[in-house]
């Protein structure tokens, strides 16, 4: 059983030395690169932009099929569940 305690003490001491050396070296490491983070964010932004444009175009085409010749109302947001009011004035009619 003596060998077990000796091996355990050696392992703990080795881990402490590694941790001490790592604590000395860690402040001098180069910072993590921002390129992957920025790439993922830019790709996500443009993916959302294209998805919104495609869904709005499909909405317009579906509305035009059901109501030909009419103006298409503004598409309501898909993920917003709160009150949604759009105040629009119709400027197409000159006489009132």
PDB file of N, CA and C in Angstrom:
ATOM      1  N   UNK A   1       0.820  -1.197   0.000  1.00  0.00           N
ATOM      2  CA  UNK A   1       0.000   0.000   0.000  1.00  0.00           C
ATOM      3  C   UNK A   1       0.864   1.261   0.000  1.00  0.00           C
ATOM      4  N   UNK A   2       2.138   1.076   0.396  1.00  0.00           N
ATOM      5  CA  UNK A   2       3.043   2.209   0.446  1.00  0.00           C
ATOM      6  C   UNK A   2       3.272   2.798  -0.949  1.00  0.00           C
ATOM      7  N   UNK A   3       3.358   1.909  -1.950  1.00  0.00           N
ATOM      8  CA  UNK A   3       3.600   2.374  -3.329  1.00  0.00           C
ATOM      9  C   UNK A   3       2.450   3.233  -3.825  1.00  0.00           C
ATOM     10  N   UNK A   4       1.210   2.917  -3.385  1.00  0.00           N
ATOM     11  CA  UNK A   4       0.039   3.699  -3.807  1.00  0.00           C
ATOM     12  C   UNK A   4       0.145   5.139  -3.323  1.00  0.00           C
ATOM     13  N   UNK A   5       0.496   5.318  -2.039  1.00  0.00           N
ATOM     14  CA  UNK A   5       0.584   6.673  -1.485  1.00  0.00           C
ATOM     15  C   UNK A   5       1.747   7.446  -2.111  1.00  0.00           C
ATOM     16  N   UNK A   6       2.855   6.716  -2.407  1.00  0.00           N
ATOM     17  CA  UNK A   6       3.970   7.368  -3.068  1.00  0.00           C
ATOM     18  C   UNK A   6       3.577   7.833  -4.475  1.00  0.00           C
ATOM     19  N   UNK A   7       2.880   6.986  -5.234  1.00  0.00           N
ATOM     20  CA  UNK A   7       2.453   7.329  -6.591  1.00  0.00           C
ATOM     21  C   UNK A   7       1.451   8.480  -6.561  1.00  0.00           C
ATOM     22  N   UNK A   8       0.550   8.451  -5.575  1.00  0.00           N
ATOM     23  CA  UNK A   8      -0.428   9.525  -5.452  1.00  0.00           C
ATOM     24  C   UNK A   8       0.258  10.854  -5.129  1.00  0.00           C
ATOM     25  N   UNK A   9       1.226  10.831  -4.223  1.00  0.00           N
ATOM     26  CA  UNK A   9       1.951  12.053  -3.869  1.00  0.00           C
ATOM     27  C   UNK A   9       2.728  12.579  -5.077  1.00  0.00           C
ATOM     28  N   UNK A  10       3.354  11.669  -5.853  1.00  0.00           N
ATOM     29  CA  UNK A  10       4.082  12.078  -7.047  1.00  0.00           C
ATOM     30  C   UNK A  10       3.139  12.730  -8.065  1.00  0.00           C
ATOM     31  N   UNK A  11       1.990  12.126  -8.246  1.00  0.00           N
ATOM     32  CA  UNK A  11       1.020  12.660  -9.213  1.00  0.00           C
ATOM     33  C   UNK A  11       0.507  14.040  -8.786  1.00  0.00           C
ATOM     34  N   UNK A  12       0.190  14.194  -7.513  1.00  0.00           N
ATOM     35  CA  UNK A  12      -0.294  15.488  -7.017  1.00  0.00           C
ATOM     36  C   UNK A  12       0.789  16.549  -7.156  1.00  0.00           C
ATOM     37  N   UNK A  13       2.034  16.173  -6.839  1.00  0.00           N
ATOM     38  CA  UNK A  13       3.135  17.128  -6.957  1.00  0.00           C
ATOM     39  C   UNK A  13       3.359  17.529  -8.413  1.00  0.00           C
ATOM     40  N   UNK A  14       3.260  16.563  -9.336  1.00  0.00           N
ATOM     41  CA  UNK A  14       3.424  16.859 -10.754  1.00  0.00           C
ATOM     42  C   UNK A  14       2.314  17.807 -11.242  1.00  0.00           C
ATOM     43  N   UNK A  15       1.093  17.556 -10.803  1.00  0.00           N
ATOM     44  CA  UNK A  15      -0.009  18.434 -11.184  1.00  0.00           C
ATOM     45  C   UNK A  15       0.181  19.848 -10.632  1.00  0.00           C
ATOM     46  N   UNK A  16       0.687  19.953  -9.416  1.00  0.00           N
ATOM     47  CA  UNK A  16       0.933  21.276  -8.837  1.00  0.00           C
ATOM     48  C   UNK A  16       2.018  22.007  -9.626  1.00  0.00           C
ATOM     49  N   UNK A  17       3.080  21.283 -10.033  1.00  0.00           N
ATOM     50  CA  UNK A  17       4.143  21.908 -10.828  1.00  0.00           C
ATOM     51  C   UNK A  17       3.599  22.374 -12.178  1.00  0.00           C
ATOM     52  N   UNK A  18       2.774  21.534 -12.816  1.00  0.00           N
ATOM     53  CA  UNK A  18       2.182  21.921 -14.096  1.00  0.00           C
ATOM     54  C   UNK A  18       1.327  23.168 -13.927  1.00  0.00           C
ATOM     55  N   UNK A  19       0.513  23.201 -12.888  1.00  0.00           N
ATOM     56  CA  UNK A  19      -0.361  24.345 -12.661  1.00  0.00           C
ATOM     57  C   UNK A  19       0.464  25.607 -12.392  1.00  0.00           C
ATOM     58  N   UNK A  20       1.544  25.470 -11.650  1.00  0.00           N
ATOM     59  CA  UNK A  20       2.403  26.623 -11.365  1.00  0.00           C
ATOM     60  C   UNK A  20       3.044  27.141 -12.651  1.00  0.00           C
ATOM     61  N   UNK A  21       3.558  26.224 -13.462  1.00  0.00           N
ATOM     62  CA  UNK A  21       4.170  26.640 -14.729  1.00  0.00           C
ATOM     63  C   UNK A  21       3.129  27.271 -15.650  1.00  0.00           C
ATOM     64  N   UNK A  22       1.948  26.680 -15.699  1.00  0.00           N
ATOM     65  CA  UNK A  22       0.889  27.222 -16.553  1.00  0.00           C
ATOM     66  C   UNK A  22       0.485  28.622 -16.096  1.00  0.00           C
ATOM     67  N   UNK A  23       0.416  28.841 -14.789  1.00  0.00           N
ATOM     68  CA  UNK A  23       0.084  30.170 -14.271  1.00  0.00           C
ATOM     69  C   UNK A  23       1.158  31.197 -14.630  1.00  0.00           C
ATOM     70  N   UNK A  24       2.405  30.764 -14.758  1.00  0.00           N
ATOM     71  CA  UNK A  24       3.465  31.680 -15.163  1.00  0.00           C
ATOM     72  C   UNK A  24       3.364  32.024 -16.654  1.00  0.00           C
ATOM     73  N   UNK A  25       2.998  31.065 -17.478  1.00  0.00           N
ATOM     74  CA  UNK A  25       2.995  31.232 -18.931  1.00  0.00           C
ATOM     75  C   UNK A  25       1.696  31.861 -19.431  1.00  0.00           C
ATOM     76  N   UNK A  26       0.599  31.618 -18.738  1.00  0.00           N
ATOM     77  CA  UNK A  26      -0.730  32.009 -19.235  1.00  0.00           C
ATOM     78  C   UNK A  26      -0.868  33.491 -19.591  1.00  0.00           C
ATOM     79  N   UNK A  27      -0.347  34.447 -18.809  1.00  0.00           N
ATOM     80  CA  UNK A  27      -0.527  35.851 -19.185  1.00  0.00           C
ATOM     81  C   UNK A  27       0.160  36.223 -20.494  1.00  0.00           C
ATOM     82  N   UNK A  28       1.128  35.437 -20.950  1.00  0.00           N
ATOM     83  CA  UNK A  28       1.883  35.775 -22.147  1.00  0.00           C
ATOM     84  C   UNK A  28       1.344  35.101 -23.407  1.00  0.00           C
ATOM     85  N   UNK A  29       0.243  34.373 -23.303  1.00  0.00           N
ATOM     86  CA  UNK A  29      -0.323  33.736 -24.481  1.00  0.00           C
ATOM     87  C   UNK A  29      -1.057  34.764 -25.327  1.00  0.00           C
ATOM     88  N   UNK A  30      -1.107  34.512 -26.624  1.00  0.00           N
ATOM     89  CA  UNK A  30      -1.814  35.431 -27.503  1.00  0.00           C
ATOM     90  C   UNK A  30      -3.316  35.285 -27.284  1.00  0.00           C
ATOM     91  N   UNK A  31      -4.065  36.352 -27.447  1.00  0.00           N
ATOM     92  CA  UNK A  31      -5.505  36.280 -27.226  1.00  0.00           C
ATOM     93  C   UNK A  31      -6.188  35.432 -28.299  1.00  0.00           C
ATOM     94  N   UNK A  32      -7.377  34.968 -27.983  1.00  0.00           N
ATOM     95  CA  UNK A  32      -8.127  34.150 -28.934  1.00  0.00           C
ATOM     96  C   UNK A  32      -8.507  34.998 -30.139  1.00  0.00           C
ATOM     97  N   UNK A  33      -8.425  34.441 -31.331  1.00  0.00           N
ATOM     98  CA  UNK A  33      -8.732  35.224 -32.530  1.00  0.00           C
ATOM     99  C   UNK A  33     -10.223  35.547 -32.628  1.00  0.00           C
ATOM    100  N   UNK A  34     -10.514  36.729 -33.159  1.00  0.00           N
ATOM    101  CA  UNK A  34     -11.899  37.153 -33.316  1.00  0.00           C
ATOM    102  C   UNK A  34     -12.494  36.727 -34.656  1.00  0.00           C
ATOM    103  N   UNK A  35     -11.671  36.286 -35.581  1.00  0.00           N
ATOM    104  CA  UNK A  35     -12.154  35.963 -36.927  1.00  0.00           C
ATOM    105  C   UNK A  35     -13.265  34.911 -36.927  1.00  0.00           C
ATOM    106  N   UNK A  36     -13.142  33.776 -36.225  1.00  0.00           N
ATOM    107  CA  UNK A  36     -14.244  32.805 -36.260  1.00  0.00           C
ATOM    108  C   UNK A  36     -15.541  33.376 -35.678  1.00  0.00           C
ATOM    109  N   UNK A  37     -15.406  34.139 -34.613  1.00  0.00           N
ATOM    110  CA  UNK A  37     -16.588  34.740 -33.984  1.00  0.00           C
ATOM    111  C   UNK A  37     -17.276  35.708 -34.948  1.00  0.00           C
ATOM    112  N   UNK A  38     -16.492  36.575 -35.579  1.00  0.00           N
ATOM    113  CA  UNK A  38     -17.056  37.533 -36.526  1.00  0.00           C
ATOM    114  C   UNK A  38     -17.638  36.834 -37.741  1.00  0.00           C
ATOM    115  N   UNK A  39     -16.975  35.804 -38.221  1.00  0.00           N
ATOM    116  CA  UNK A  39     -17.463  35.071 -39.391  1.00  0.00           C
ATOM    117  C   UNK A  39     -18.826  34.443 -39.107  1.00  0.00           C
ATOM    118  N   UNK A  40     -18.980  33.846 -37.936  1.00  0.00           N
ATOM    119  CA  UNK A  40     -20.260  33.221 -37.579  1.00  0.00           C
ATOM    120  C   UNK A  40     -21.347  34.277 -37.459  1.00  0.00           C
ATOM    121  N   UNK A  41     -21.032  35.420 -36.842  1.00  0.00           N
ATOM    122  CA  UNK A  41     -22.039  36.472 -36.695  1.00  0.00           C
ATOM    123  C   UNK A  41     -22.443  37.078 -38.026  1.00  0.00           C
ATOM    124  N   UNK A  42     -21.486  37.319 -38.909  1.00  0.00           N
ATOM    125  CA  UNK A  42     -21.804  37.888 -40.222  1.00  0.00           C
ATOM    126  C   UNK A  42     -22.616  36.900 -41.048  1.00  0.00           C
ATOM    127  N   UNK A  43     -22.224  35.633 -41.015  1.00  0.00           N
ATOM    128  CA  UNK A  43     -22.979  34.614 -41.756  1.00  0.00           C
ATOM    129  C   UNK A  43     -24.405  34.507 -41.223  1.00  0.00           C
ATOM    130  N   UNK A  44     -24.572  34.555 -39.908  1.00  0.00           N
ATOM    131  CA  UNK A  44     -25.918  34.496 -39.324  1.00  0.00           C
ATOM    132  C   UNK A  44     -26.758  35.693 -39.701  1.00  0.00           C
ATOM    133  N   UNK A  45     -26.145  36.877 -39.714  1.00  0.00           N
ATOM    134  CA  UNK A  45     -26.870  38.089 -40.076  1.00  0.00           C
ATOM    135  C   UNK A  45     -27.386  38.006 -41.502  1.00  0.00           C
ATOM    136  N   UNK A  46     -26.499  37.654 -42.438  1.00  0.00           N
ATOM    137  CA  UNK A  46     -26.920  37.605 -43.838  1.00  0.00           C
ATOM    138  C   UNK A  46     -27.886  36.445 -44.108  1.00  0.00           C
ATOM    139  N   UNK A  47     -27.764  35.363 -43.366  1.00  0.00           N
ATOM    140  CA  UNK A  47     -28.727  34.271 -43.498  1.00  0.00           C
ATOM    141  C   UNK A  47     -30.114  34.755 -43.087  1.00  0.00           C
ATOM    142  N   UNK A  48     -30.200  35.484 -41.972  1.00  0.00           N
ATOM    143  CA  UNK A  48     -31.484  36.040 -41.534  1.00  0.00           C
ATOM    144  C   UNK A  48     -32.032  37.045 -42.521  1.00  0.00           C
ATOM    145  N   UNK A  49     -31.157  37.854 -43.100  1.00  0.00           N
ATOM    146  CA  UNK A  49     -31.582  38.860 -44.074  1.00  0.00           C
ATOM    147  C   UNK A  49     -32.175  38.204 -45.318  1.00  0.00           C
ATOM    148  N   UNK A  50     -31.503  37.197 -45.844  1.00  0.00           N
ATOM    149  CA  UNK A  50     -31.993  36.496 -47.032  1.00  0.00           C
ATOM    150  C   UNK A  50     -33.289  35.760 -46.713  1.00  0.00           C
ATOM    151  N   UNK A  51     -33.367  35.141 -45.542  1.00  0.00           N
ATOM    152  CA  UNK A  51     -34.582  34.416 -45.144  1.00  0.00           C
ATOM    153  C   UNK A  51     -35.766  35.365 -45.045  1.00  0.00           C
ATOM    154  N   UNK A  52     -35.553  36.554 -44.477  1.00  0.00           N
ATOM    155  CA  UNK A  52     -36.638  37.528 -44.360  1.00  0.00           C
ATOM    156  C   UNK A  52     -37.093  37.998 -45.736  1.00  0.00           C
ATOM    157  N   UNK A  53     -36.142  38.245 -46.640  1.00  0.00           N
ATOM    158  CA  UNK A  53     -36.508  38.701 -47.978  1.00  0.00           C
ATOM    159  C   UNK A  53     -37.289  37.634 -48.740  1.00  0.00           C
ATOM    160  N   UNK A  54     -36.862  36.397 -48.632  1.00  0.00           N
ATOM    161  CA  UNK A  54     -37.548  35.304 -49.330  1.00  0.00           C
ATOM    162  C   UNK A  54     -38.940  35.101 -48.755  1.00  0.00           C
ATOM    163  N   UNK A  55     -39.070  35.119 -47.431  1.00  0.00           N
ATOM    164  CA  UNK A  55     -40.395  34.903 -46.831  1.00  0.00           C
ATOM    165  C   UNK A  55     -41.339  36.051 -47.171  1.00  0.00           C
ATOM    166  N   UNK A  56     -40.822  37.284 -47.231  1.00  0.00           N
ATOM    167  CA  UNK A  56     -41.686  38.410 -47.597  1.00  0.00           C
ATOM    168  C   UNK A  56     -42.124  38.304 -49.054  1.00  0.00           C
ATOM    169  N   UNK A  57     -41.231  37.870 -49.933  1.00  0.00           N
ATOM    170  CA  UNK A  57     -41.598  37.716 -51.340  1.00  0.00           C
ATOM    171  C   UNK A  57     -42.644  36.623 -51.511  1.00  0.00           C
ATOM    172  N   UNK A  58     -42.494  35.522 -50.797  1.00  0.00           N
ATOM    173  CA  UNK A  58     -43.498  34.447 -50.863  1.00  0.00           C
ATOM    174  C   UNK A  58     -44.840  34.932 -50.335  1.00  0.00           C
ATOM    175  N   UNK A  59     -44.816  35.752 -49.283  1.00  0.00           N
ATOM    176  CA  UNK A  59     -46.048  36.312 -48.730  1.00  0.00           C
ATOM    177  C   UNK A  59     -46.737  37.201 -49.773  1.00  0.00           C
ATOM    178  N   UNK A  60     -45.944  38.042 -50.442  1.00  0.00           N
ATOM    179  CA  UNK A  60     -46.518  38.921 -51.457  1.00  0.00           C
ATOM    180  C   UNK A  60     -47.118  38.124 -52.606  1.00  0.00           C
ATOM    181  N   UNK A  61     -46.417  37.098 -53.078  1.00  0.00           N
ATOM    182  CA  UNK A  61     -46.927  36.293 -54.184  1.00  0.00           C
ATOM    183  C   UNK A  61     -48.210  35.573 -53.789  1.00  0.00           C
ATOM    184  N   UNK A  62     -48.266  35.043 -52.577  1.00  0.00           N
ATOM    185  CA  UNK A  62     -49.468  34.365 -52.105  1.00  0.00           C
ATOM    186  C   UNK A  62     -50.638  35.349 -52.010  1.00  0.00           C
ATOM    187  N   UNK A  63     -50.357  36.555 -51.539  1.00  0.00           N
ATOM    188  CA  UNK A  63     -51.423  37.560 -51.411  1.00  0.00           C
ATOM    189  C   UNK A  63     -51.920  37.990 -52.790  1.00  0.00           C
ATOM    190  N   UNK A  64     -51.009  38.167 -53.760  1.00  0.00           N
ATOM    191  CA  UNK A  64     -51.404  38.580 -55.099  1.00  0.00           C
ATOM    192  C   UNK A  64     -52.237  37.511 -55.790  1.00  0.00           C
ATOM    193  N   UNK A  65     -51.952  36.232 -55.494  1.00  0.00           N
ATOM    194  CA  UNK A  65     -52.764  35.163 -56.083  1.00  0.00           C
ATOM    195  C   UNK A  65     -54.191  35.215 -55.551  1.00  0.00           C
ATOM    196  N   UNK A  66     -54.331  35.515 -54.260  1.00  0.00           N
ATOM    197  CA  UNK A  66     -55.673  35.546 -53.655  1.00  0.00           C
ATOM    198  C   UNK A  66     -56.399  36.852 -53.929  1.00  0.00           C
ATOM    199  N   UNK A  67     -55.681  37.972 -54.019  1.00  0.00           N
ATOM    200  CA  UNK A  67     -56.285  39.285 -54.232  1.00  0.00           C
ATOM    201  C   UNK A  67     -55.571  39.991 -55.387  1.00  0.00           C
ATOM    202  N   UNK A  68     -55.863  39.632 -56.631  1.00  0.00           N
ATOM    203  CA  UNK A  68     -55.143  40.244 -57.753  1.00  0.00           C
ATOM    204  C   UNK A  68     -55.472  41.726 -57.893  1.00  0.00           C
ATOM    205  N   UNK A  69     -54.435  42.522 -58.170  1.00  0.00           N
ATOM    206  CA  UNK A  69     -54.610  43.943 -58.412  1.00  0.00           C
ATOM    207  C   UNK A  69     -54.687  44.807 -57.168  1.00  0.00           C
ATOM    208  N   UNK A  70     -54.636  44.231 -55.980  1.00  0.00           N
ATOM    209  CA  UNK A  70     -54.717  45.011 -54.745  1.00  0.00           C
ATOM    210  C   UNK A  70     -53.314  45.239 -54.176  1.00  0.00           C
ATOM    211  N   UNK A  71     -53.210  46.298 -53.373  1.00  0.00           N
ATOM    212  CA  UNK A  71     -51.934  46.567 -52.707  1.00  0.00           C
ATOM    213  C   UNK A  71     -51.725  45.557 -51.584  1.00  0.00           C
ATOM    214  N   UNK A  72     -50.507  45.118 -51.427  1.00  0.00           N
ATOM    215  CA  UNK A  72     -50.184  44.103 -50.418  1.00  0.00           C
ATOM    216  C   UNK A  72     -49.978  44.785 -49.081  1.00  0.00           C
ATOM    217  N   UNK A  73     -50.697  44.358 -48.023  1.00  0.00           N
ATOM    218  CA  UNK A  73     -50.461  44.944 -46.700  1.00  0.00           C
ATOM    219  C   UNK A  73     -49.099  44.515 -46.148  1.00  0.00           C
ATOM    220  N   UNK A  74     -48.639  45.269 -45.170  1.00  0.00           N
ATOM    221  CA  UNK A  74     -47.340  44.955 -44.567  1.00  0.00           C
ATOM    222  C   UNK A  74     -47.420  43.608 -43.856  1.00  0.00           C
ATOM    223  N   UNK A  75     -46.388  42.822 -44.047  1.00  0.00           N
ATOM    224  CA  UNK A  75     -46.342  41.494 -43.430  1.00  0.00           C
ATOM    225  C   UNK A  75     -46.072  41.629 -41.935  1.00  0.00           C
ATOM    226  N   UNK A  76     -46.853  40.935 -41.130  1.00  0.00           N
ATOM    227  CA  UNK A  76     -46.635  40.985 -39.685  1.00  0.00           C
ATOM    228  C   UNK A  76     -45.412  40.148 -39.313  1.00  0.00           C
ATOM    229  N   UNK A  77     -44.680  40.550 -38.279  1.00  0.00           N
ATOM    230  CA  UNK A  77     -43.492  39.781 -37.885  1.00  0.00           C
ATOM    231  C   UNK A  77     -43.867  38.373 -37.436  1.00  0.00           C
ATOM    232  N   UNK A  78     -43.000  37.412 -37.724  1.00  0.00           N
ATOM    233  CA  UNK A  78     -43.301  36.022 -37.407  1.00  0.00           C
ATOM    234  C   UNK A  78     -43.110  35.704 -35.927  1.00  0.00           C
ATOM    235  N   UNK A  79     -42.105  36.273 -35.295  1.00  0.00           N
ATOM    236  CA  UNK A  79     -41.772  35.888 -33.923  1.00  0.00           C
ATOM    237  C   UNK A  79     -42.218  36.899 -32.871  1.00  0.00           C
ATOM    238  N   UNK A  80     -42.866  37.984 -33.290  1.00  0.00           N
ATOM    239  CA  UNK A  80     -43.303  39.006 -32.342  1.00  0.00           C
ATOM    240  C   UNK A  80     -44.768  38.774 -32.022  1.00  0.00           C
ATOM    241  N   UNK A  81     -45.094  38.626 -30.729  1.00  0.00           N
ATOM    242  CA  UNK A  81     -46.466  38.291 -30.347  1.00  0.00           C
ATOM    243  C   UNK A  81     -47.187  39.458 -29.680  1.00  0.00           C
ATOM    244  N   UNK A  82     -46.532  40.594 -29.526  1.00  0.00           N
ATOM    245  CA  UNK A  82     -47.148  41.746 -28.882  1.00  0.00           C
ATOM    246  C   UNK A  82     -48.086  42.489 -29.822  1.00  0.00           C
ATOM    247  N   UNK A  83     -48.590  43.626 -29.367  1.00  0.00           N
ATOM    248  CA  UNK A  83     -49.471  44.410 -30.236  1.00  0.00           C
ATOM    249  C   UNK A  83     -48.708  44.935 -31.443  1.00  0.00           C
ATOM    250  N   UNK A  84     -49.349  44.907 -32.584  1.00  0.00           N
ATOM    251  CA  UNK A  84     -48.689  45.300 -33.823  1.00  0.00           C
ATOM    252  C   UNK A  84     -49.628  46.194 -34.609  1.00  0.00           C
ATOM    253  N   UNK A  85     -49.403  47.495 -34.526  1.00  0.00           N
ATOM    254  CA  UNK A  85     -50.228  48.442 -35.263  1.00  0.00           C
ATOM    255  C   UNK A  85     -49.324  49.241 -36.177  1.00  0.00           C
ATOM    256  N   UNK A  86     -49.767  49.415 -37.407  1.00  0.00           N
ATOM    257  CA  UNK A  86     -49.040  50.242 -38.354  1.00  0.00           C
ATOM    258  C   UNK A  86     -49.963  51.367 -38.768  1.00  0.00           C
ATOM    259  N   UNK A  87     -49.557  52.592 -38.500  1.00  0.00           N
ATOM    260  CA  UNK A  87     -50.366  53.738 -38.916  1.00  0.00           C
ATOM    261  C   UNK A  87     -49.879  54.185 -40.275  1.00  0.00           C
ATOM    262  N   UNK A  88     -50.752  54.019 -41.281  1.00  0.00           N
ATOM    263  CA  UNK A  88     -50.402  54.421 -42.630  1.00  0.00           C
ATOM    264  C   UNK A  88     -51.467  55.369 -43.164  1.00  0.00           C
ATOM    265  N   UNK A  89     -51.024  56.360 -43.896  1.00  0.00           N
ATOM    266  CA  UNK A  89     -51.966  57.222 -44.584  1.00  0.00           C
ATOM    267  C   UNK A  89     -51.867  56.940 -46.056  1.00  0.00           C
ATOM    268  N   UNK A  90     -52.999  56.864 -46.697  1.00  0.00           N
ATOM    269  CA  UNK A  90     -53.007  56.559 -48.105  1.00  0.00           C
ATOM    270  C   UNK A  90     -52.909  57.857 -48.897  1.00  0.00           C
ATOM    271  N   UNK A  91     -51.768  58.080 -49.505  1.00  0.00           N
ATOM    272  CA  UNK A  91     -51.539  59.319 -50.253  1.00  0.00           C
ATOM    273  C   UNK A  91     -51.889  59.175 -51.734  1.00  0.00           C
ATOM    274  N   UNK A  92     -52.372  58.007 -52.124  1.00  0.00           N
ATOM    275  CA  UNK A  92     -52.659  57.800 -53.537  1.00  0.00           C
ATOM    276  C   UNK A  92     -53.896  58.571 -53.990  1.00  0.00           C
ATOM    277  N   UNK A  93     -54.784  58.859 -53.040  1.00  0.00           N
ATOM    278  CA  UNK A  93     -56.025  59.554 -53.366  1.00  0.00           C
ATOM    279  C   UNK A  93     -55.822  61.050 -53.110  1.00  0.00           C
ATOM    280  N   UNK A  94     -55.864  61.882 -54.154  1.00  0.00           N
ATOM    281  CA  UNK A  94     -55.618  63.312 -54.012  1.00  0.00           C
ATOM    282  C   UNK A  94     -56.828  64.080 -53.510  1.00  0.00           C
ATOM    283  N   UNK A  95     -58.033  63.602 -53.742  1.00  0.00           N
ATOM    284  CA  UNK A  95     -59.250  64.359 -53.362  1.00  0.00           C
ATOM    285  C   UNK A  95     -59.870  63.758 -52.113  1.00  0.00           C
ATOM    286  N   UNK A  96     -60.231  64.635 -51.191  1.00  0.00           N
ATOM    287  CA  UNK A  96     -60.907  64.178 -49.961  1.00  0.00           C
ATOM    288  C   UNK A  96     -61.963  65.163 -49.568  1.00  0.00           C
TER     289      UNK A  96
END
